[in-house]
PDB file of N, CA and C in Angstrom:
ATOM      1  N   MET A   1       8.180  25.440   2.324  1.00  0.00           N
ATOM      2  CA  MET A   1       8.312  26.805   1.795  1.00  0.00           C
ATOM      3  C   MET A   1       7.897  27.866   2.895  1.00  0.00           C
ATOM      4  N   GLU A   2       8.642  28.904   2.960  1.00  0.00           N
ATOM      5  CA  GLU A   2       8.372  29.921   3.873  1.00  0.00           C
ATOM      6  C   GLU A   2       7.020  30.590   3.595  1.00  0.00           C
ATOM      7  N   PRO A   3       6.362  31.078   4.641  1.00  0.00           N
ATOM      8  CA  PRO A   3       5.077  31.841   4.361  1.00  0.00           C
ATOM      9  C   PRO A   3       5.376  33.164   3.712  1.00  0.00           C
ATOM     10  N   LEU A   4       4.362  33.638   2.973  1.00  0.00           N
ATOM     11  CA  LEU A   4       4.455  34.923   2.336  1.00  0.00           C
ATOM     12  C   LEU A   4       3.789  36.006   3.245  1.00  0.00           C
ATOM     13  N   TYR A   5       4.467  37.110   3.445  1.00  0.00           N
ATOM     14  CA  TYR A   5       3.914  38.125   4.263  1.00  0.00           C
ATOM     15  C   TYR A   5       3.822  39.415   3.537  1.00  0.00           C
ATOM     16  N   THR A   6       2.824  40.261   3.860  1.00  0.00           N
ATOM     17  CA  THR A   6       2.537  41.488   3.254  1.00  0.00           C
ATOM     18  C   THR A   6       3.166  42.670   4.043  1.00  0.00           C
ATOM     19  N   ILE A   7       3.993  43.410   3.461  1.00  0.00           N
ATOM     20  CA  ILE A   7       4.782  44.438   4.139  1.00  0.00           C
ATOM     21  C   ILE A   7       4.488  45.866   3.643  1.00  0.00           C
ATOM     22  N   ILE A   8       4.360  46.812   4.544  1.00  0.00           N
ATOM     23  CA  ILE A   8       4.278  48.254   4.164  1.00  0.00           C
ATOM     24  C   ILE A   8       5.492  48.985   4.694  1.00  0.00           C
ATOM     25  N   PHE A   9       6.144  49.768   3.881  1.00  0.00           N
ATOM     26  CA  PHE A   9       7.220  50.592   4.315  1.00  0.00           C
ATOM     27  C   PHE A   9       6.809  52.020   4.394  1.00  0.00           C
ATOM     28  N   ARG A  10       7.290  52.751   5.398  1.00  0.00           N
ATOM     29  CA  ARG A  10       7.139  54.193   5.519  1.00  0.00           C
ATOM     30  C   ARG A  10       8.347  54.794   6.191  1.00  0.00           C
ATOM     31  N   GLU A  11       8.586  56.086   5.916  1.00  0.00           N
ATOM     32  CA  GLU A  11       9.652  56.779   6.582  1.00  0.00           C
ATOM     33  C   GLU A  11       9.110  57.370   7.863  1.00  0.00           C
ATOM     34  N   SER A  12      10.022  57.319   8.869  1.00  0.00           N
ATOM     35  CA  SER A  12       9.636  57.870  10.196  1.00  0.00           C
ATOM     36  C   SER A  12      10.911  58.329  10.921  1.00  0.00           C
ATOM     37  N   GLY A  13      11.079  59.583  11.121  1.00  0.00           N
ATOM     38  CA  GLY A  13      12.189  60.042  11.919  1.00  0.00           C
ATOM     39  C   GLY A  13      13.539  59.784  11.300  1.00  0.00           C
ATOM     40  N   GLY A  14      13.583  59.802   9.958  1.00  0.00           N
ATOM     41  CA  GLY A  14      14.844  59.535   9.254  1.00  0.00           C
ATOM     42  C   GLY A  14      15.174  58.135   9.051  1.00  0.00           C
ATOM     43  N   TYR A  15      14.277  57.196   9.457  1.00  0.00           N
ATOM     44  CA  TYR A  15      14.465  55.794   9.280  1.00  0.00           C
ATOM     45  C   TYR A  15      13.302  55.241   8.476  1.00  0.00           C
ATOM     46  N   ILE A  16      13.507  54.050   7.935  1.00  0.00           N
ATOM     47  CA  ILE A  16      12.463  53.315   7.206  1.00  0.00           C
ATOM     48  C   ILE A  16      11.920  52.278   8.186  1.00  0.00           C
ATOM     49  N   VAL A  17      10.576  52.228   8.296  1.00  0.00           N
ATOM     50  CA  VAL A  17       9.906  51.293   9.142  1.00  0.00           C
ATOM     51  C   VAL A  17       9.162  50.351   8.173  1.00  0.00           C
ATOM     52  N   ALA A  18       9.262  49.020   8.395  1.00  0.00           N
ATOM     53  CA  ALA A  18       8.583  47.998   7.756  1.00  0.00           C
ATOM     54  C   ALA A  18       7.491  47.313   8.684  1.00  0.00           C
ATOM     55  N   LEU A  19       6.322  47.291   8.267  1.00  0.00           N
ATOM     56  CA  LEU A  19       5.241  46.757   9.071  1.00  0.00           C
ATOM     57  C   LEU A  19       4.669  45.571   8.379  1.00  0.00           C
ATOM     58  N   CYS A  20       4.559  44.418   9.023  1.00  0.00           N
ATOM     59  CA  CYS A  20       3.921  43.234   8.504  1.00  0.00           C
ATOM     60  C   CYS A  20       2.448  43.145   8.903  1.00  0.00           C
ATOM     61  N   LEU A  21       1.642  43.147   7.894  1.00  0.00           N
ATOM     62  CA  LEU A  21       0.136  43.184   8.093  1.00  0.00           C
ATOM     63  C   LEU A  21      -0.381  41.896   8.739  1.00  0.00           C
ATOM     64  N   GLU A  22       0.250  40.791   8.523  1.00  0.00           N
ATOM     65  CA  GLU A  22      -0.263  39.608   8.987  1.00  0.00           C
ATOM     66  C   GLU A  22      -0.101  39.336  10.490  1.00  0.00           C
ATOM     67  N   ASN A  23       0.860  40.088  11.118  1.00  0.00           N
ATOM     68  CA  ASN A  23       1.139  39.883  12.551  1.00  0.00           C
ATOM     69  C   ASN A  23       1.361  41.198  13.326  1.00  0.00           C
ATOM     70  N   GLY A  24       1.514  42.280  12.659  1.00  0.00           N
ATOM     71  CA  GLY A  24       1.723  43.608  13.318  1.00  0.00           C
ATOM     72  C   GLY A  24       3.178  43.790  13.821  1.00  0.00           C
ATOM     73  N   ILE A  25       4.090  42.957  13.296  1.00  0.00           N
ATOM     74  CA  ILE A  25       5.550  43.073  13.699  1.00  0.00           C
ATOM     75  C   ILE A  25       6.142  44.163  12.836  1.00  0.00           C
ATOM     76  N   VAL A  26       7.073  44.935  13.431  1.00  0.00           N
ATOM     77  CA  VAL A  26       7.833  45.912  12.605  1.00  0.00           C
ATOM     78  C   VAL A  26       9.331  45.693  12.662  1.00  0.00           C
ATOM     79  N   GLY A  27       9.976  46.261  11.690  1.00  0.00           N
ATOM     80  CA  GLY A  27      11.458  46.271  11.604  1.00  0.00           C
ATOM     81  C   GLY A  27      11.827  47.700  11.226  1.00  0.00           C
ATOM     82  N   GLN A  28      12.933  48.151  11.668  1.00  0.00           N
ATOM     83  CA  GLN A  28      13.409  49.563  11.361  1.00  0.00           C
ATOM     84  C   GLN A  28      14.823  49.570  10.936  1.00  0.00           C
ATOM     85  N   GLY A  29      15.133  50.408   9.970  1.00  0.00           N
ATOM     86  CA  GLY A  29      16.527  50.434   9.446  1.00  0.00           C
ATOM     87  C   GLY A  29      16.776  51.781   8.773  1.00  0.00           C
ATOM     88  N   LYS A  30      18.026  51.968   8.368  1.00  0.00           N
ATOM     89  CA  LYS A  30      18.398  53.214   7.695  1.00  0.00           C
ATOM     90  C   LYS A  30      17.943  53.259   6.248  1.00  0.00           C
ATOM     91  N   ASN A  31      17.530  52.047   5.662  1.00  0.00           N
ATOM     92  CA  ASN A  31      16.970  51.951   4.352  1.00  0.00           C
ATOM     93  C   ASN A  31      15.982  50.737   4.310  1.00  0.00           C
ATOM     94  N   LYS A  32      15.353  50.542   3.190  1.00  0.00           N
ATOM     95  CA  LYS A  32      14.430  49.478   3.065  1.00  0.00           C
ATOM     96  C   LYS A  32      14.998  48.154   3.325  1.00  0.00           C
ATOM     97  N   GLU A  33      16.138  47.885   2.785  1.00  0.00           N
ATOM     98  CA  GLU A  33      16.864  46.601   2.891  1.00  0.00           C
ATOM     99  C   GLU A  33      17.069  46.294   4.417  1.00  0.00           C
ATOM    100  N   ASP A  34      17.642  47.281   5.174  1.00  0.00           N
ATOM    101  CA  ASP A  34      17.895  47.130   6.621  1.00  0.00           C
ATOM    102  C   ASP A  34      16.616  46.886   7.352  1.00  0.00           C
ATOM    103  N   ALA A  35      15.596  47.592   7.005  1.00  0.00           N
ATOM    104  CA  ALA A  35      14.269  47.459   7.730  1.00  0.00           C
ATOM    105  C   ALA A  35      13.736  46.052   7.454  1.00  0.00           C
ATOM    106  N   LEU A  36      13.880  45.585   6.254  1.00  0.00           N
ATOM    107  CA  LEU A  36      13.382  44.228   5.867  1.00  0.00           C
ATOM    108  C   LEU A  36      14.187  43.115   6.627  1.00  0.00           C
ATOM    109  N   VAL A  37      15.467  43.280   6.739  1.00  0.00           N
ATOM    110  CA  VAL A  37      16.251  42.276   7.434  1.00  0.00           C
ATOM    111  C   VAL A  37      15.792  42.229   8.889  1.00  0.00           C
ATOM    112  N   LYS A  38      15.662  43.442   9.498  1.00  0.00           N
ATOM    113  CA  LYS A  38      15.235  43.489  10.897  1.00  0.00           C
ATOM    114  C   LYS A  38      13.877  42.923  11.059  1.00  0.00           C
ATOM    115  N   LEU A  39      12.999  43.176  10.153  1.00  0.00           N
ATOM    116  CA  LEU A  39      11.604  42.591  10.221  1.00  0.00           C
ATOM    117  C   LEU A  39      11.659  41.084  10.100  1.00  0.00           C
ATOM    118  N   LYS A  40      12.460  40.563   9.220  1.00  0.00           N
ATOM    119  CA  LYS A  40      12.572  39.124   9.052  1.00  0.00           C
ATOM    120  C   LYS A  40      13.098  38.507  10.355  1.00  0.00           C
ATOM    121  N   GLU A  41      14.127  39.140  10.963  1.00  0.00           N
ATOM    122  CA  GLU A  41      14.618  38.650  12.185  1.00  0.00           C
ATOM    123  C   GLU A  41      13.555  38.630  13.355  1.00  0.00           C
ATOM    124  N   ALA A  42      12.795  39.637  13.379  1.00  0.00           N
ATOM    125  CA  ALA A  42      11.639  39.813  14.441  1.00  0.00           C
ATOM    126  C   ALA A  42      10.649  38.695  14.130  1.00  0.00           C
ATOM    127  N   ILE A  43      10.309  38.504  12.844  1.00  0.00           N
ATOM    128  CA  ILE A  43       9.302  37.424  12.567  1.00  0.00           C
ATOM    129  C   ILE A  43       9.776  36.087  12.991  1.00  0.00           C
ATOM    130  N   GLU A  44      11.087  35.819  12.720  1.00  0.00           N
ATOM    131  CA  GLU A  44      11.671  34.546  13.182  1.00  0.00           C
ATOM    132  C   GLU A  44      11.567  34.405  14.681  1.00  0.00           C
ATOM    133  N   CYS A  45      11.866  35.451  15.424  1.00  0.00           N
ATOM    134  CA  CYS A  45      11.752  35.361  16.867  1.00  0.00           C
ATOM    135  C   CYS A  45      10.357  35.145  17.322  1.00  0.00           C
ATOM    136  N   TRP A  46       9.410  35.861  16.669  1.00  0.00           N
ATOM    137  CA  TRP A  46       8.026  35.719  16.977  1.00  0.00           C
ATOM    138  C   TRP A  46       7.505  34.261  16.722  1.00  0.00           C
ATOM    139  N   LYS A  47       7.933  33.719  15.519  1.00  0.00           N
ATOM    140  CA  LYS A  47       7.491  32.306  15.318  1.00  0.00           C
ATOM    141  C   LYS A  47       8.072  31.342  16.258  1.00  0.00           C
ATOM    142  N   ASP A  48       9.334  31.584  16.735  1.00  0.00           N
ATOM    143  CA  ASP A  48       9.844  30.768  17.829  1.00  0.00           C
ATOM    144  C   ASP A  48       9.078  30.873  19.092  1.00  0.00           C
ATOM    145  N   ALA A  49       8.730  32.111  19.424  1.00  0.00           N
ATOM    146  CA  ALA A  49       7.951  32.318  20.673  1.00  0.00           C
ATOM    147  C   ALA A  49       6.571  31.673  20.578  1.00  0.00           C
ATOM    148  N   CYS A  50       5.932  31.732  19.434  1.00  0.00           N
ATOM    149  CA  CYS A  50       4.555  31.143  19.236  1.00  0.00           C
ATOM    150  C   CYS A  50       4.691  29.603  19.408  1.00  0.00           C
ATOM    151  N   GLU A  51       5.824  28.953  18.940  1.00  0.00           N
ATOM    152  CA  GLU A  51       5.960  27.496  19.073  1.00  0.00           C
ATOM    153  C   GLU A  51       6.186  27.106  20.630  1.00  0.00           C
ATOM    154  N   CYS A  52       6.935  27.951  21.302  1.00  0.00           N
ATOM    155  CA  CYS A  52       7.215  27.676  22.696  1.00  0.00           C
ATOM    156  C   CYS A  52       6.072  28.028  23.651  1.00  0.00           C
ATOM    157  N   ASP A  53       5.306  28.987  23.295  1.00  0.00           N
ATOM    158  CA  ASP A  53       4.241  29.526  24.193  1.00  0.00           C
ATOM    159  C   ASP A  53       3.007  29.789  23.413  1.00  0.00           C
ATOM    160  N   LYS A  54       2.005  28.973  23.590  1.00  0.00           N
ATOM    161  CA  LYS A  54       0.756  29.029  22.855  1.00  0.00           C
ATOM    162  C   LYS A  54      -0.024  30.346  23.156  1.00  0.00           C
ATOM    163  N   SER A  55       0.305  30.963  24.267  1.00  0.00           N
ATOM    164  CA  SER A  55      -0.373  32.179  24.669  1.00  0.00           C
ATOM    165  C   SER A  55       0.001  33.396  23.901  1.00  0.00           C
ATOM    166  N   VAL A  56       1.153  33.369  23.150  1.00  0.00           N
ATOM    167  CA  VAL A  56       1.643  34.527  22.367  1.00  0.00           C
ATOM    168  C   VAL A  56       0.616  34.833  21.251  1.00  0.00           C
ATOM    169  N   LEU A  57       0.222  36.092  21.164  1.00  0.00           N
ATOM    170  CA  LEU A  57      -0.810  36.502  20.276  1.00  0.00           C
ATOM    171  C   LEU A  57      -0.301  36.349  18.790  1.00  0.00           C
ATOM    172  N   SER A  58      -1.268  35.925  17.972  1.00  0.00           N
ATOM    173  CA  SER A  58      -0.974  35.674  16.569  1.00  0.00           C
ATOM    174  C   SER A  58      -2.136  36.068  15.757  1.00  0.00           C
ATOM    175  N   GLY A  59      -2.028  37.058  14.911  1.00  0.00           N
ATOM    176  CA  GLY A  59      -3.168  37.475  14.050  1.00  0.00           C
ATOM    177  C   GLY A  59      -2.792  38.705  13.359  1.00  0.00           C
ATOM    178  N   PRO A  60      -3.743  39.101  12.374  1.00  0.00           N
ATOM    179  CA  PRO A  60      -3.418  40.325  11.621  1.00  0.00           C
ATOM    180  C   PRO A  60      -3.539  41.600  12.451  1.00  0.00           C
ATOM    181  N   ILE A  61      -2.874  42.588  11.923  1.00  0.00           N
ATOM    182  CA  ILE A  61      -2.859  43.880  12.591  1.00  0.00           C
ATOM    183  C   ILE A  61      -4.300  44.464  12.571  1.00  0.00           C
ATOM    184  N   PRO A  62      -4.821  44.994  13.709  1.00  0.00           N
ATOM    185  CA  PRO A  62      -6.065  45.541  13.705  1.00  0.00           C
ATOM    186  C   PRO A  62      -6.175  46.840  12.775  1.00  0.00           C
ATOM    187  N   ILE A  63      -7.227  47.128  12.181  1.00  0.00           N
ATOM    188  CA  ILE A  63      -7.353  48.234  11.177  1.00  0.00           C
ATOM    189  C   ILE A  63      -6.989  49.562  11.934  1.00  0.00           C
ATOM    190  N   ASN A  64      -7.386  49.748  13.181  1.00  0.00           N
ATOM    191  CA  ASN A  64      -7.098  51.025  13.880  1.00  0.00           C
ATOM    192  C   ASN A  64      -5.578  51.234  14.002  1.00  0.00           C
ATOM    193  N   GLU A  65      -4.828  50.115  14.197  1.00  0.00           N
ATOM    194  CA  GLU A  65      -3.343  50.238  14.404  1.00  0.00           C
ATOM    195  C   GLU A  65      -2.690  50.452  13.026  1.00  0.00           C
ATOM    196  N   LEU A  66      -3.233  49.875  11.905  1.00  0.00           N
ATOM    197  CA  LEU A  66      -2.810  50.113  10.640  1.00  0.00           C
ATOM    198  C   LEU A  66      -3.070  51.656  10.232  1.00  0.00           C
ATOM    199  N   HIS A  67      -4.150  52.161  10.551  1.00  0.00           N
ATOM    200  CA  HIS A  67      -4.512  53.583  10.311  1.00  0.00           C
ATOM    201  C   HIS A  67      -3.521  54.463  11.128  1.00  0.00           C
ATOM    202  N   GLU A  68      -3.204  54.104  12.353  1.00  0.00           N
ATOM    203  CA  GLU A  68      -2.245  54.954  13.105  1.00  0.00           C
ATOM    204  C   GLU A  68      -0.913  54.930  12.504  1.00  0.00           C
ATOM    205  N   PHE A  69      -0.444  53.707  12.046  1.00  0.00           N
ATOM    206  CA  PHE A  69       0.850  53.555  11.365  1.00  0.00           C
ATOM    207  C   PHE A  69       0.993  54.430  10.115  1.00  0.00           C
ATOM    208  N   LEU A  70      -0.099  54.440   9.348  1.00  0.00           N
ATOM    209  CA  LEU A  70      -0.101  55.207   8.065  1.00  0.00           C
ATOM    210  C   LEU A  70      -0.289  56.620   8.233  1.00  0.00           C
ATOM    211  N   THR A  71      -0.868  57.149   9.345  1.00  0.00           N
ATOM    212  CA  THR A  71      -1.138  58.574   9.535  1.00  0.00           C
ATOM    213  C   THR A  71      -0.257  59.225  10.594  1.00  0.00           C
ATOM    214  N   PHE A  72       0.426  58.461  11.385  1.00  0.00           N
ATOM    215  CA  PHE A  72       1.202  59.036  12.524  1.00  0.00           C
ATOM    216  C   PHE A  72       2.245  60.073  11.961  1.00  0.00           C
ATOM    217  N   GLY A  73       2.233  61.250  12.482  1.00  0.00           N
ATOM    218  CA  GLY A  73       3.180  62.296  12.101  1.00  0.00           C
ATOM    219  C   GLY A  73       2.977  62.755  10.763  1.00  0.00           C
ATOM    220  N   LYS A  74       1.848  62.504  10.154  1.00  0.00           N
ATOM    221  CA  LYS A  74       1.650  62.990   8.760  1.00  0.00           C
ATOM    222  C   LYS A  74       1.456  64.465   8.718  1.00  0.00           C
ATOM    223  N   GLY A  75       2.449  65.124   8.048  1.00  0.00           N
ATOM    224  CA  GLY A  75       2.333  66.557   7.861  1.00  0.00           C
ATOM    225  C   GLY A  75       2.596  66.954   6.508  1.00  0.00           C
ATOM    226  N   LYS A  76       2.975  65.967   5.670  1.00  0.00           N
ATOM    227  CA  LYS A  76       3.262  66.295   4.270  1.00  0.00           C
ATOM    228  C   LYS A  76       2.753  65.063   3.427  1.00  0.00           C
ATOM    229  N   GLU A  77       2.833  65.255   2.258  1.00  0.00           N
ATOM    230  CA  GLU A  77       2.451  64.176   1.329  1.00  0.00           C
ATOM    231  C   GLU A  77       3.439  62.994   1.446  1.00  0.00           C
ATOM    232  N   GLU A  78       2.871  61.882   1.703  1.00  0.00           N
ATOM    233  CA  GLU A  78       3.722  60.672   1.903  1.00  0.00           C
ATOM    234  C   GLU A  78       3.421  59.585   0.951  1.00  0.00           C
ATOM    235  N   THR A  79       4.332  58.793   0.584  1.00  0.00           N
ATOM    236  CA  THR A  79       4.143  57.612  -0.283  1.00  0.00           C
ATOM    237  C   THR A  79       4.476  56.412   0.535  1.00  0.00           C
ATOM    238  N   PHE A  80       3.800  55.276   0.314  1.00  0.00           N
ATOM    239  CA  PHE A  80       3.935  54.064   1.021  1.00  0.00           C
ATOM    240  C   PHE A  80       4.206  53.019  -0.020  1.00  0.00           C
ATOM    241  N   GLU A  81       5.033  52.035   0.338  1.00  0.00           N
ATOM    242  CA  GLU A  81       5.264  50.912  -0.563  1.00  0.00           C
ATOM    243  C   GLU A  81       4.808  49.660   0.022  1.00  0.00           C
ATOM    244  N   LEU A  82       4.002  48.924  -0.698  1.00  0.00           N
ATOM    245  CA  LEU A  82       3.493  47.603  -0.256  1.00  0.00           C
ATOM    246  C   LEU A  82       4.240  46.558  -0.995  1.00  0.00           C
ATOM    247  N   LYS A  83       4.674  45.528  -0.218  1.00  0.00           N
ATOM    248  CA  LYS A  83       5.464  44.537  -0.800  1.00  0.00           C
ATOM    249  C   LYS A  83       5.160  43.160  -0.124  1.00  0.00           C
ATOM    250  N   ALA A  84       5.283  42.112  -0.961  1.00  0.00           N
ATOM    251  CA  ALA A  84       5.085  40.731  -0.396  1.00  0.00           C
ATOM    252  C   ALA A  84       6.523  40.078  -0.352  1.00  0.00           C
ATOM    253  N   VAL A  85       6.769  39.444   0.840  1.00  0.00           N
ATOM    254  CA  VAL A  85       8.031  38.816   1.055  1.00  0.00           C
ATOM    255  C   VAL A  85       7.865  37.495   1.741  1.00  0.00           C
ATOM    256  N   TYR A  86       8.814  36.616   1.512  1.00  0.00           N
ATOM    257  CA  TYR A  86       8.847  35.382   2.267  1.00  0.00           C
ATOM    258  C   TYR A  86       9.726  35.479   3.478  1.00  0.00           C
ATOM    259  N   ALA A  87       9.319  35.025   4.583  1.00  0.00           N
ATOM    260  CA  ALA A  87      10.127  35.166   5.804  1.00  0.00           C
ATOM    261  C   ALA A  87      10.000  33.931   6.587  1.00  0.00           C
TER     262      ALA A  87
END
């Protein structure tokens, strides 16, 4: 079974950005579905890299980077969506 990842979506510059909390990887698209597809592709590449090179960093996103993601460019009321996905 594929691992379950926790994803946060936010709008940025007219795009949707999906951030994975377990590894700090992001995907970007014109809508949530596109962003999620790009994120899943990035996670697959990251998993392949981890298997080939044990020096590739693996771990949850640091809280200061999560804070930056959630507050960057904040000038108006924003909503965020939290989602669990298999990748």
